[in-house]
């Protein structure tokens, strides 16, 4: 499946499928980091109730061409915002008009990246990120047990929009997606989101996701 855009409120959430070769390279890179005894924990800076959260040196992402791929996606994201003429209240509005006018996407900076090894019953509470845009992508996903109830929330990522005081029947304040391997999501850093826990048959499941924050030069 190609590009998808979710917009139940003003902010966009863009979803794409990673190219297979890039997915393979990211899995291999995070495998190497996870086995490195000198790897750096990122746990103290993150909101998640997740034990294993490891920092990624952003320069390594450049060597496998992930950074250039990411900036191409950002270009698509900004073009979508332009088409929509920046809806009132979007968190992408800022005082620097160049933000939505520039075609020079080399100005973007990937300043932070990390990956999570989420285990059974671990979760990420509602939170947001720093920067202008953020993203999450999924590298490894175990086979889940079926949810106990009919509404599927186990293992989903849920985005929570701010619909303001005029919320009505025609606005969806939040939506959930059950990600698959290779999914990448791009969204405003201020957009709140959370990750539900999951269960696996042997209780030893590991779901590997990678996150990052994108900034403009200050």
N, C-alpha and C. Protein backbone atom coordinates (compact mmCIF):
# COMPACT_ATOMS: atom_id res chain seq x y z
N UNK A 1 0.85 -1.18 0.00
CA UNK A 1 0.00 0.00 0.00
C UNK A 1 0.89 1.24 0.00
N UNK A 2 0.49 2.27 -0.72
CA UNK A 2 1.29 3.48 -0.83
C UNK A 2 1.02 4.45 0.28
N UNK A 3 1.07 5.71 -0.07
CA UNK A 3 0.90 6.77 0.92
C UNK A 3 -0.55 6.85 1.38
N UNK A 4 -0.73 7.03 2.69
CA UNK A 4 -2.05 7.27 3.26
C UNK A 4 -1.96 8.50 4.15
N UNK A 5 -3.06 9.24 4.24
CA UNK A 5 -3.13 10.41 5.11
C UNK A 5 -4.35 10.28 6.01
N UNK A 6 -4.15 10.43 7.32
CA UNK A 6 -5.23 10.42 8.29
C UNK A 6 -5.38 11.82 8.85
N UNK A 7 -6.60 12.36 8.79
CA UNK A 7 -6.82 13.71 9.28
C UNK A 7 -8.21 13.84 9.88
N UNK A 8 -8.45 13.15 11.01
CA UNK A 8 -9.76 13.30 11.66
C UNK A 8 -9.89 14.63 12.38
N UNK A 9 -8.80 15.37 12.53
CA UNK A 9 -8.81 16.72 13.06
C UNK A 9 -7.91 17.55 12.17
N UNK A 10 -7.31 18.62 12.65
CA UNK A 10 -6.57 19.51 11.76
C UNK A 10 -5.19 18.97 11.37
N UNK A 11 -4.48 18.29 12.28
CA UNK A 11 -3.15 17.83 11.96
C UNK A 11 -3.18 16.59 11.06
N UNK A 12 -2.16 16.48 10.21
CA UNK A 12 -2.02 15.30 9.38
C UNK A 12 -1.21 14.23 10.10
N UNK A 13 -1.58 12.98 9.90
CA UNK A 13 -0.72 11.84 10.18
C UNK A 13 -0.49 11.14 8.85
N UNK A 14 0.74 11.12 8.39
CA UNK A 14 1.08 10.50 7.11
C UNK A 14 1.64 9.11 7.37
N UNK A 15 1.17 8.13 6.62
CA UNK A 15 1.62 6.74 6.78
C UNK A 15 2.12 6.23 5.44
N UNK A 16 3.29 5.59 5.45
CA UNK A 16 3.83 4.96 4.26
C UNK A 16 4.43 3.61 4.62
N UNK A 17 4.75 2.83 3.59
CA UNK A 17 5.46 1.57 3.76
C UNK A 17 6.93 1.79 3.43
N UNK A 18 7.81 1.38 4.34
CA UNK A 18 9.24 1.49 4.08
C UNK A 18 9.64 0.58 2.91
N UNK A 19 10.56 1.03 2.05
CA UNK A 19 11.11 0.12 1.05
C UNK A 19 11.76 -1.08 1.73
N UNK A 20 11.66 -2.25 1.13
CA UNK A 20 12.14 -3.48 1.76
C UNK A 20 13.64 -3.42 2.09
N UNK A 21 14.44 -2.84 1.18
CA UNK A 21 15.88 -2.79 1.45
C UNK A 21 16.20 -1.90 2.63
N UNK A 22 15.45 -0.79 2.77
CA UNK A 22 15.67 0.10 3.90
C UNK A 22 15.21 -0.53 5.20
N UNK A 23 14.09 -1.23 5.16
CA UNK A 23 13.62 -1.96 6.35
C UNK A 23 14.67 -2.97 6.78
N UNK A 24 15.22 -3.71 5.84
CA UNK A 24 16.25 -4.70 6.15
C UNK A 24 17.48 -4.04 6.79
N UNK A 25 17.91 -2.91 6.24
CA UNK A 25 19.07 -2.21 6.78
C UNK A 25 18.83 -1.69 8.19
N UNK A 26 17.61 -1.20 8.45
CA UNK A 26 17.28 -0.69 9.78
C UNK A 26 17.21 -1.82 10.81
N UNK A 27 16.67 -2.96 10.40
CA UNK A 27 16.64 -4.12 11.30
C UNK A 27 18.06 -4.54 11.64
N UNK A 28 18.92 -4.61 10.63
CA UNK A 28 20.31 -5.02 10.87
C UNK A 28 21.03 -4.02 11.77
N UNK A 29 20.81 -2.72 11.53
CA UNK A 29 21.46 -1.70 12.35
C UNK A 29 21.01 -1.81 13.80
N UNK A 30 19.72 -1.94 14.03
CA UNK A 30 19.22 -2.02 15.41
C UNK A 30 19.59 -3.36 16.05
N UNK A 31 19.74 -4.41 15.26
CA UNK A 31 20.26 -5.68 15.79
C UNK A 31 21.67 -5.48 16.35
N UNK A 32 22.50 -4.79 15.58
CA UNK A 32 23.88 -4.54 16.01
C UNK A 32 23.90 -3.73 17.29
N UNK A 33 23.07 -2.68 17.34
CA UNK A 33 23.04 -1.82 18.53
C UNK A 33 22.56 -2.61 19.74
N UNK A 34 21.51 -3.42 19.56
CA UNK A 34 20.93 -4.15 20.69
C UNK A 34 21.92 -5.16 21.28
N UNK A 35 22.86 -5.63 20.44
CA UNK A 35 23.85 -6.62 20.92
C UNK A 35 25.14 -5.97 21.41
N UNK A 36 25.22 -4.66 21.29
CA UNK A 36 26.42 -3.94 21.70
C UNK A 36 26.41 -3.72 23.22
N UNK A 37 27.38 -4.23 23.95
CA UNK A 37 27.39 -4.04 25.42
C UNK A 37 27.58 -2.58 25.82
N UNK A 38 28.04 -1.74 24.88
CA UNK A 38 28.25 -0.32 25.17
C UNK A 38 27.08 0.55 24.70
N UNK A 39 25.98 -0.06 24.31
CA UNK A 39 24.84 0.72 23.83
C UNK A 39 24.34 1.66 24.91
N UNK A 40 23.76 2.80 24.47
CA UNK A 40 23.32 3.84 25.40
C UNK A 40 21.81 3.79 25.60
N UNK A 41 21.40 3.65 26.85
CA UNK A 41 19.98 3.65 27.17
C UNK A 41 19.40 5.05 26.95
N UNK A 42 18.19 5.08 26.41
CA UNK A 42 17.46 6.35 26.23
C UNK A 42 16.27 6.42 27.17
N UNK A 43 16.20 5.42 28.05
CA UNK A 43 15.03 5.24 28.89
C UNK A 43 14.73 6.46 29.76
N UNK A 44 15.77 7.12 30.27
CA UNK A 44 15.57 8.22 31.23
C UNK A 44 14.96 9.46 30.58
N UNK A 45 14.98 9.55 29.23
CA UNK A 45 14.44 10.73 28.55
C UNK A 45 13.05 10.50 27.98
N UNK A 46 12.53 9.27 28.06
CA UNK A 46 11.29 8.91 27.38
C UNK A 46 10.17 8.62 28.37
N UNK A 47 8.93 8.71 27.86
CA UNK A 47 7.76 8.55 28.72
C UNK A 47 7.36 7.10 28.92
N UNK A 48 7.84 6.21 28.06
CA UNK A 48 7.32 4.85 28.03
C UNK A 48 7.61 4.02 29.26
N UNK A 49 6.65 3.17 29.59
CA UNK A 49 6.86 2.13 30.59
C UNK A 49 7.45 0.92 29.88
N UNK A 50 8.63 1.15 29.30
CA UNK A 50 9.32 0.16 28.49
C UNK A 50 10.75 0.06 29.00
N UNK A 51 11.20 -1.13 29.29
CA UNK A 51 12.51 -1.30 29.91
C UNK A 51 13.66 -1.01 28.95
N UNK A 52 13.56 -1.52 27.73
CA UNK A 52 14.68 -1.45 26.79
C UNK A 52 14.41 -0.40 25.70
N UNK A 53 15.02 0.76 25.87
CA UNK A 53 14.91 1.86 24.92
C UNK A 53 16.32 2.38 24.66
N UNK A 54 16.78 2.26 23.39
CA UNK A 54 18.18 2.47 23.10
C UNK A 54 18.39 3.61 22.11
N UNK A 55 19.39 4.42 22.36
CA UNK A 55 19.72 5.56 21.51
C UNK A 55 20.35 5.09 20.20
N UNK A 56 20.04 5.81 19.13
CA UNK A 56 20.65 5.57 17.83
C UNK A 56 21.47 6.80 17.45
N UNK A 57 22.71 6.62 17.10
CA UNK A 57 23.54 7.70 16.59
C UNK A 57 22.99 8.10 15.22
N UNK A 58 22.52 9.35 15.09
CA UNK A 58 21.87 9.77 13.85
C UNK A 58 22.78 9.69 12.64
N UNK A 59 24.10 9.79 12.86
CA UNK A 59 25.03 9.69 11.73
C UNK A 59 24.96 8.31 11.08
N UNK A 60 24.62 7.28 11.86
CA UNK A 60 24.50 5.93 11.31
C UNK A 60 23.31 5.82 10.37
N UNK A 61 22.26 6.60 10.63
CA UNK A 61 21.08 6.58 9.77
C UNK A 61 21.38 7.21 8.42
N UNK A 62 22.33 8.12 8.41
CA UNK A 62 22.74 8.73 7.14
C UNK A 62 23.48 7.73 6.27
N UNK A 63 24.28 6.87 6.87
CA UNK A 63 25.09 5.93 6.10
C UNK A 63 24.24 4.87 5.39
N UNK A 64 23.05 4.58 5.92
CA UNK A 64 22.18 3.60 5.25
C UNK A 64 21.07 4.29 4.45
N UNK A 65 21.23 5.61 4.25
CA UNK A 65 20.34 6.42 3.41
C UNK A 65 18.94 6.59 3.98
N UNK A 66 18.77 6.32 5.28
CA UNK A 66 17.47 6.55 5.88
C UNK A 66 17.17 8.04 5.97
N UNK A 67 18.18 8.83 6.29
CA UNK A 67 17.96 10.27 6.47
C UNK A 67 17.44 10.91 5.18
N UNK A 68 18.04 10.58 4.05
CA UNK A 68 17.59 11.16 2.78
C UNK A 68 16.17 10.69 2.44
N UNK A 69 15.86 9.42 2.73
CA UNK A 69 14.50 8.92 2.53
C UNK A 69 13.52 9.68 3.40
N UNK A 70 13.90 9.91 4.64
CA UNK A 70 13.03 10.60 5.59
C UNK A 70 12.73 12.02 5.11
N UNK A 71 13.73 12.73 4.62
CA UNK A 71 13.51 14.10 4.18
C UNK A 71 12.64 14.15 2.93
N UNK A 72 12.68 13.10 2.11
CA UNK A 72 11.76 13.01 0.97
C UNK A 72 10.32 12.90 1.45
N UNK A 73 10.10 12.12 2.51
CA UNK A 73 8.75 11.99 3.07
C UNK A 73 8.29 13.33 3.65
N UNK A 74 9.19 14.02 4.31
CA UNK A 74 8.84 15.33 4.87
C UNK A 74 8.42 16.28 3.76
N UNK A 75 9.10 16.22 2.64
CA UNK A 75 8.71 17.03 1.49
C UNK A 75 7.28 16.73 1.07
N UNK A 76 6.91 15.45 1.02
CA UNK A 76 5.53 15.07 0.70
C UNK A 76 4.56 15.60 1.74
N UNK A 77 4.97 15.50 3.01
CA UNK A 77 4.11 15.96 4.10
C UNK A 77 3.82 17.46 3.95
N UNK A 78 4.86 18.25 3.72
CA UNK A 78 4.69 19.70 3.62
C UNK A 78 3.85 20.06 2.41
N UNK A 79 4.01 19.33 1.31
CA UNK A 79 3.18 19.59 0.13
C UNK A 79 1.70 19.35 0.45
N UNK A 80 1.42 18.34 1.24
CA UNK A 80 0.02 18.09 1.64
C UNK A 80 -0.51 19.23 2.49
N UNK A 81 0.32 19.76 3.38
CA UNK A 81 -0.11 20.89 4.21
C UNK A 81 -0.38 22.10 3.33
N UNK A 82 0.46 22.34 2.35
CA UNK A 82 0.25 23.46 1.45
C UNK A 82 -1.08 23.33 0.71
N UNK A 83 -1.35 22.12 0.23
CA UNK A 83 -2.60 21.89 -0.51
C UNK A 83 -3.81 22.24 0.35
N UNK A 84 -3.72 21.94 1.62
CA UNK A 84 -4.82 22.22 2.54
C UNK A 84 -4.80 23.65 3.06
N UNK A 85 -3.85 24.45 2.61
CA UNK A 85 -3.76 25.87 2.98
C UNK A 85 -3.67 26.08 4.49
N UNK A 86 -2.98 25.22 5.14
CA UNK A 86 -2.74 25.35 6.58
C UNK A 86 -4.03 25.60 7.37
N UNK A 87 -4.80 24.56 7.64
CA UNK A 87 -6.05 24.75 8.40
C UNK A 87 -5.81 25.49 9.71
N UNK A 88 -6.77 26.33 10.08
CA UNK A 88 -6.64 27.09 11.32
C UNK A 88 -6.45 26.16 12.50
N UNK A 89 -5.51 26.52 13.37
CA UNK A 89 -5.29 25.74 14.57
C UNK A 89 -4.28 24.63 14.42
N UNK A 90 -3.78 24.38 13.19
CA UNK A 90 -2.80 23.31 13.05
C UNK A 90 -1.53 23.67 13.81
N UNK A 91 -0.93 22.68 14.41
CA UNK A 91 0.30 22.90 15.17
C UNK A 91 1.48 23.19 14.26
N UNK A 92 1.29 23.05 12.94
CA UNK A 92 2.38 23.34 12.03
C UNK A 92 2.52 24.83 11.75
N UNK A 93 1.58 25.65 12.20
CA UNK A 93 1.73 27.08 12.03
C UNK A 93 2.86 27.57 12.93
N UNK A 94 3.66 28.49 12.40
CA UNK A 94 4.69 29.10 13.22
C UNK A 94 5.01 30.47 12.66
N UNK A 95 5.76 31.26 13.40
CA UNK A 95 6.01 32.63 13.00
C UNK A 95 6.92 32.72 11.78
N UNK A 96 7.72 31.70 11.54
CA UNK A 96 8.64 31.72 10.41
C UNK A 96 7.91 31.26 9.16
N UNK A 97 7.52 32.22 8.29
CA UNK A 97 6.76 31.88 7.09
C UNK A 97 7.57 30.99 6.14
N UNK A 98 8.88 31.03 6.26
CA UNK A 98 9.71 30.20 5.39
C UNK A 98 9.46 28.72 5.63
N UNK A 99 8.94 28.41 6.81
CA UNK A 99 8.70 27.01 7.17
C UNK A 99 7.86 26.27 6.13
N UNK A 100 6.79 26.94 5.66
CA UNK A 100 5.92 26.28 4.69
C UNK A 100 6.15 26.77 3.26
N UNK A 101 7.11 27.65 3.04
CA UNK A 101 7.37 28.16 1.69
C UNK A 101 8.64 27.60 1.08
N UNK A 102 9.59 27.22 1.90
CA UNK A 102 10.87 26.77 1.37
C UNK A 102 10.76 25.44 0.66
N UNK A 103 11.53 25.30 -0.40
CA UNK A 103 11.67 24.00 -1.06
C UNK A 103 13.00 23.36 -0.70
N UNK A 104 13.75 24.00 0.17
CA UNK A 104 15.08 23.51 0.53
C UNK A 104 14.99 22.64 1.76
N UNK A 105 14.69 21.37 1.55
CA UNK A 105 14.47 20.49 2.69
C UNK A 105 15.76 19.98 3.30
N UNK A 106 16.91 20.43 2.76
CA UNK A 106 18.17 20.09 3.40
C UNK A 106 18.34 20.84 4.71
N UNK A 107 17.44 21.81 4.97
CA UNK A 107 17.51 22.57 6.22
C UNK A 107 17.02 21.77 7.42
N UNK A 108 16.28 20.71 7.18
CA UNK A 108 15.77 19.90 8.29
C UNK A 108 16.92 19.20 9.00
N UNK A 109 16.75 19.00 10.30
CA UNK A 109 17.78 18.33 11.09
C UNK A 109 17.16 17.16 11.85
N UNK A 110 17.74 16.00 11.69
CA UNK A 110 17.38 14.83 12.48
C UNK A 110 18.26 14.86 13.73
N UNK A 111 17.66 15.24 14.87
CA UNK A 111 18.47 15.48 16.07
C UNK A 111 18.41 14.36 17.09
N UNK A 112 17.40 13.52 17.03
CA UNK A 112 17.28 12.46 18.03
C UNK A 112 16.61 11.25 17.40
N UNK A 113 17.12 10.07 17.71
CA UNK A 113 16.50 8.83 17.25
C UNK A 113 16.78 7.74 18.26
N UNK A 114 15.85 6.83 18.40
CA UNK A 114 15.98 5.73 19.36
C UNK A 114 15.05 4.60 18.93
N UNK A 115 15.26 3.42 19.53
CA UNK A 115 14.33 2.33 19.26
C UNK A 115 13.95 1.64 20.56
N UNK A 116 12.73 1.11 20.57
CA UNK A 116 12.17 0.43 21.72
C UNK A 116 12.07 -1.06 21.46
N UNK A 117 12.37 -1.85 22.47
CA UNK A 117 12.13 -3.29 22.43
C UNK A 117 10.97 -3.55 23.40
N UNK A 118 9.75 -3.34 22.91
CA UNK A 118 8.57 -3.44 23.76
C UNK A 118 8.19 -4.90 23.99
N UNK A 119 8.03 -5.24 25.27
CA UNK A 119 7.67 -6.61 25.66
C UNK A 119 6.20 -6.69 26.05
N UNK A 120 5.73 -7.92 26.23
CA UNK A 120 4.35 -8.14 26.68
C UNK A 120 4.03 -7.23 27.87
N UNK A 121 2.87 -6.58 27.81
CA UNK A 121 2.29 -5.77 28.88
C UNK A 121 3.01 -4.43 29.10
N UNK A 122 4.06 -4.12 28.35
CA UNK A 122 4.65 -2.79 28.42
C UNK A 122 3.83 -1.84 27.54
N UNK A 123 3.96 -0.54 27.79
CA UNK A 123 3.12 0.42 27.06
C UNK A 123 3.79 1.78 27.07
N UNK A 124 3.26 2.66 26.24
CA UNK A 124 3.69 4.05 26.19
C UNK A 124 2.50 4.93 26.55
N UNK A 125 2.53 5.66 27.65
CA UNK A 125 1.41 6.51 28.02
C UNK A 125 1.28 7.69 27.05
N UNK A 126 0.21 8.43 27.14
CA UNK A 126 0.00 9.56 26.24
C UNK A 126 1.10 10.59 26.44
N UNK A 127 1.66 11.07 25.32
CA UNK A 127 2.79 11.99 25.38
C UNK A 127 2.94 12.67 24.02
N UNK A 128 3.84 13.63 23.95
CA UNK A 128 4.22 14.19 22.67
C UNK A 128 5.74 14.31 22.62
N UNK A 129 6.25 14.91 21.57
CA UNK A 129 7.70 14.95 21.35
C UNK A 129 8.19 16.39 21.24
N UNK A 130 9.49 16.55 21.16
CA UNK A 130 10.09 17.84 20.86
C UNK A 130 10.32 17.92 19.35
N UNK A 131 10.60 19.14 18.87
CA UNK A 131 10.86 19.33 17.46
C UNK A 131 9.65 19.86 16.71
N UNK A 132 9.71 19.78 15.39
CA UNK A 132 8.62 20.23 14.52
C UNK A 132 7.81 19.03 14.04
N UNK A 133 8.49 18.03 13.53
CA UNK A 133 7.84 16.79 13.10
C UNK A 133 8.50 15.61 13.82
N UNK A 134 7.73 14.57 14.03
CA UNK A 134 8.23 13.35 14.64
C UNK A 134 7.75 12.16 13.83
N UNK A 135 8.30 11.01 14.14
CA UNK A 135 7.87 9.83 13.43
C UNK A 135 8.15 8.57 14.22
N UNK A 136 7.46 7.52 13.81
CA UNK A 136 7.69 6.19 14.39
C UNK A 136 7.57 5.18 13.26
N UNK A 137 8.41 4.17 13.29
CA UNK A 137 8.33 3.10 12.30
C UNK A 137 8.52 1.76 13.02
N UNK A 138 8.04 0.70 12.38
CA UNK A 138 7.99 -0.61 13.03
C UNK A 138 8.87 -1.60 12.28
N UNK A 139 9.81 -2.20 13.02
CA UNK A 139 10.82 -3.07 12.44
C UNK A 139 10.55 -4.55 12.69
N UNK A 140 10.04 -4.90 13.87
CA UNK A 140 9.73 -6.29 14.19
C UNK A 140 8.43 -6.32 15.00
N UNK A 141 7.54 -7.23 14.64
CA UNK A 141 6.26 -7.34 15.35
C UNK A 141 5.97 -8.81 15.62
N UNK A 142 5.71 -9.17 16.88
CA UNK A 142 5.41 -10.58 17.21
C UNK A 142 3.95 -10.91 16.85
N UNK A 143 3.62 -12.16 17.01
CA UNK A 143 2.22 -12.57 16.82
C UNK A 143 1.48 -12.38 18.13
N UNK A 144 0.45 -11.53 18.10
CA UNK A 144 -0.29 -11.20 19.33
C UNK A 144 -1.36 -12.24 19.63
N UNK A 145 -1.70 -12.34 20.89
CA UNK A 145 -2.93 -13.01 21.26
C UNK A 145 -4.10 -12.12 20.88
N UNK A 146 -5.23 -12.73 20.61
CA UNK A 146 -6.42 -11.95 20.29
C UNK A 146 -6.82 -11.11 21.48
N UNK A 147 -7.34 -9.89 21.26
CA UNK A 147 -7.79 -9.06 22.38
C UNK A 147 -8.95 -9.72 23.10
N UNK A 148 -9.11 -9.39 24.36
CA UNK A 148 -10.15 -10.02 25.17
C UNK A 148 -11.55 -9.52 24.80
N UNK A 149 -11.63 -8.34 24.23
CA UNK A 149 -12.92 -7.77 23.84
C UNK A 149 -12.91 -7.47 22.35
N UNK A 150 -14.09 -7.15 21.82
CA UNK A 150 -14.23 -7.01 20.38
C UNK A 150 -13.52 -5.77 19.84
N UNK A 151 -13.46 -4.70 20.62
CA UNK A 151 -12.77 -3.51 20.17
C UNK A 151 -11.27 -3.75 20.24
N UNK A 152 -10.59 -3.66 19.10
CA UNK A 152 -9.16 -3.98 19.06
C UNK A 152 -8.36 -2.75 19.48
N UNK A 153 -7.72 -2.83 20.64
CA UNK A 153 -6.80 -1.79 21.06
C UNK A 153 -5.42 -2.36 21.35
N UNK A 154 -5.36 -3.67 21.65
CA UNK A 154 -4.07 -4.28 21.99
C UNK A 154 -3.04 -4.04 20.89
N UNK A 155 -1.91 -3.47 21.27
CA UNK A 155 -0.82 -3.28 20.33
C UNK A 155 -0.97 -2.10 19.40
N UNK A 156 -2.04 -1.33 19.51
CA UNK A 156 -2.24 -0.21 18.58
C UNK A 156 -1.47 1.03 19.02
N UNK A 157 -1.18 1.89 18.05
CA UNK A 157 -0.75 3.25 18.33
C UNK A 157 -1.97 4.13 18.12
N UNK A 158 -2.22 5.01 19.09
CA UNK A 158 -3.41 5.85 19.08
C UNK A 158 -3.01 7.31 19.09
N UNK A 159 -3.51 8.06 18.13
CA UNK A 159 -3.26 9.50 18.03
C UNK A 159 -4.45 10.24 18.60
N UNK A 160 -4.18 11.26 19.41
CA UNK A 160 -5.24 11.98 20.13
C UNK A 160 -5.18 13.44 19.71
N UNK A 161 -6.19 13.89 18.99
CA UNK A 161 -6.22 15.26 18.50
C UNK A 161 -6.88 16.20 19.47
N UNK A 162 -6.58 17.47 19.34
CA UNK A 162 -7.20 18.53 20.14
C UNK A 162 -8.24 19.21 19.28
N UNK A 163 -9.51 18.85 19.48
CA UNK A 163 -10.57 19.41 18.65
C UNK A 163 -11.09 20.73 19.18
N UNK A 164 -10.63 21.16 20.35
CA UNK A 164 -11.01 22.46 20.89
C UNK A 164 -12.43 22.46 21.45
N UNK A 165 -12.93 23.66 21.78
CA UNK A 165 -14.24 23.76 22.45
C UNK A 165 -15.42 23.48 21.53
N UNK A 166 -15.19 23.40 20.20
CA UNK A 166 -16.30 23.22 19.27
C UNK A 166 -16.41 21.78 18.78
N UNK A 167 -15.93 20.85 19.58
CA UNK A 167 -16.03 19.45 19.21
C UNK A 167 -17.50 19.06 18.99
N UNK A 168 -17.75 18.29 17.94
CA UNK A 168 -19.13 17.91 17.65
C UNK A 168 -19.16 16.51 17.05
N UNK A 169 -20.32 16.10 16.56
CA UNK A 169 -20.49 14.75 16.03
C UNK A 169 -19.62 14.48 14.81
N UNK A 170 -19.20 15.52 14.14
CA UNK A 170 -18.50 15.37 12.88
C UNK A 170 -16.98 15.38 13.03
N UNK A 171 -16.50 15.33 14.26
CA UNK A 171 -15.07 15.35 14.53
C UNK A 171 -14.68 14.08 15.27
N UNK A 172 -13.58 13.48 14.87
CA UNK A 172 -13.06 12.30 15.54
C UNK A 172 -11.86 12.72 16.39
N UNK A 173 -11.97 12.70 17.71
CA UNK A 173 -10.88 13.19 18.53
C UNK A 173 -9.66 12.28 18.58
N UNK A 174 -9.83 11.01 18.22
CA UNK A 174 -8.69 10.10 18.25
C UNK A 174 -8.94 8.93 17.31
N UNK A 175 -7.85 8.30 16.90
CA UNK A 175 -8.00 7.08 16.12
C UNK A 175 -6.81 6.17 16.38
N UNK A 176 -7.03 4.87 16.22
CA UNK A 176 -6.03 3.86 16.52
C UNK A 176 -5.70 3.06 15.27
N UNK A 177 -4.42 2.67 15.16
CA UNK A 177 -3.96 1.87 14.05
C UNK A 177 -3.14 0.71 14.61
N UNK A 178 -3.39 -0.49 14.11
CA UNK A 178 -2.57 -1.65 14.47
C UNK A 178 -1.46 -1.74 13.42
N UNK A 179 -0.23 -1.33 13.77
CA UNK A 179 0.82 -1.26 12.75
C UNK A 179 1.33 -2.63 12.35
N UNK A 180 1.91 -2.66 11.15
CA UNK A 180 2.57 -3.87 10.66
C UNK A 180 4.05 -3.54 10.42
N UNK A 181 4.86 -4.56 10.23
CA UNK A 181 6.28 -4.34 9.98
C UNK A 181 6.46 -3.50 8.72
N UNK A 182 7.31 -2.48 8.83
CA UNK A 182 7.58 -1.61 7.69
C UNK A 182 6.74 -0.36 7.66
N UNK A 183 5.74 -0.23 8.53
CA UNK A 183 4.94 1.00 8.57
C UNK A 183 5.77 2.15 9.15
N UNK A 184 5.66 3.33 8.55
CA UNK A 184 6.26 4.54 9.09
C UNK A 184 5.19 5.62 9.14
N UNK A 185 5.14 6.34 10.26
CA UNK A 185 4.17 7.41 10.47
C UNK A 185 4.93 8.71 10.71
N UNK A 186 4.48 9.79 10.07
CA UNK A 186 5.03 11.13 10.27
C UNK A 186 3.90 12.01 10.78
N UNK A 187 4.19 12.82 11.81
CA UNK A 187 3.14 13.65 12.42
C UNK A 187 3.78 14.83 13.14
N UNK A 188 2.99 15.88 13.44
CA UNK A 188 3.54 17.00 14.20
C UNK A 188 4.03 16.55 15.57
N UNK A 189 5.14 17.10 16.01
CA UNK A 189 5.73 16.67 17.29
C UNK A 189 4.81 16.95 18.47
N UNK A 190 3.92 17.93 18.33
CA UNK A 190 3.01 18.26 19.43
C UNK A 190 1.78 17.36 19.49
N UNK A 191 1.60 16.52 18.48
CA UNK A 191 0.42 15.65 18.45
C UNK A 191 0.57 14.55 19.49
N UNK A 192 -0.36 14.50 20.42
CA UNK A 192 -0.29 13.50 21.48
C UNK A 192 -0.62 12.10 20.93
N UNK A 193 0.04 11.10 21.48
CA UNK A 193 -0.19 9.73 21.04
C UNK A 193 0.19 8.78 22.17
N UNK A 194 -0.26 7.56 22.06
CA UNK A 194 0.03 6.54 23.07
C UNK A 194 0.08 5.18 22.40
N UNK A 195 0.69 4.23 23.08
CA UNK A 195 0.82 2.87 22.55
C UNK A 195 0.27 1.90 23.58
N UNK A 196 -0.68 1.09 23.15
CA UNK A 196 -1.28 0.11 24.05
C UNK A 196 -0.39 -1.14 24.19
N UNK A 197 -0.49 -1.81 25.33
CA UNK A 197 0.26 -3.05 25.51
C UNK A 197 -0.32 -4.17 24.64
N UNK A 198 0.42 -5.24 24.52
CA UNK A 198 -0.03 -6.43 23.80
C UNK A 198 0.31 -7.67 24.61
N UNK A 199 -0.23 -8.81 24.20
CA UNK A 199 0.08 -10.09 24.83
C UNK A 199 0.44 -11.09 23.73
N UNK A 200 1.37 -11.98 24.04
CA UNK A 200 1.72 -13.05 23.12
C UNK A 200 1.55 -14.40 23.82
N UNK A 201 1.54 -15.47 23.03
CA UNK A 201 1.23 -16.80 23.57
C UNK A 201 2.18 -17.22 24.67
N UNK A 202 3.49 -17.00 24.46
CA UNK A 202 4.47 -17.42 25.47
C UNK A 202 4.88 -16.30 26.41
N UNK A 203 4.30 -15.10 26.22
CA UNK A 203 4.64 -13.97 27.08
C UNK A 203 6.02 -13.41 26.86
N UNK A 204 6.67 -13.82 25.76
CA UNK A 204 8.05 -13.41 25.49
C UNK A 204 8.15 -12.56 24.22
N UNK A 205 7.04 -11.99 23.79
CA UNK A 205 7.04 -11.21 22.55
C UNK A 205 7.89 -9.95 22.64
N UNK A 206 8.51 -9.59 21.54
CA UNK A 206 9.29 -8.35 21.43
C UNK A 206 8.81 -7.61 20.19
N UNK A 207 8.40 -6.36 20.38
CA UNK A 207 8.06 -5.50 19.24
C UNK A 207 9.08 -4.38 19.17
N UNK A 208 9.76 -4.29 18.04
CA UNK A 208 10.79 -3.27 17.89
C UNK A 208 10.25 -2.12 17.05
N UNK A 209 10.21 -0.94 17.66
CA UNK A 209 9.82 0.28 16.94
C UNK A 209 10.94 1.30 17.07
N UNK A 210 11.01 2.17 16.09
CA UNK A 210 12.04 3.21 16.07
C UNK A 210 11.36 4.56 15.96
N UNK A 211 11.85 5.54 16.70
CA UNK A 211 11.27 6.88 16.70
C UNK A 211 12.33 7.92 16.44
N UNK A 212 11.90 9.12 16.07
CA UNK A 212 12.85 10.19 15.78
C UNK A 212 12.13 11.54 15.85
N UNK A 213 12.92 12.60 16.04
CA UNK A 213 12.42 13.97 16.06
C UNK A 213 13.17 14.80 15.01
N UNK A 214 12.41 15.63 14.29
CA UNK A 214 12.96 16.47 13.24
C UNK A 214 12.81 17.93 13.65
N UNK A 215 13.89 18.71 13.48
CA UNK A 215 13.91 20.12 13.85
C UNK A 215 14.28 20.97 12.64
N UNK A 216 14.00 22.27 12.75
CA UNK A 216 14.57 23.26 11.86
C UNK A 216 15.71 23.95 12.60
N UNK A 217 16.72 24.44 11.88
CA UNK A 217 17.82 25.14 12.58
C UNK A 217 17.28 26.31 13.40
N UNK A 218 17.78 26.47 14.60
CA UNK A 218 17.33 27.56 15.46
C UNK A 218 18.01 28.86 15.10
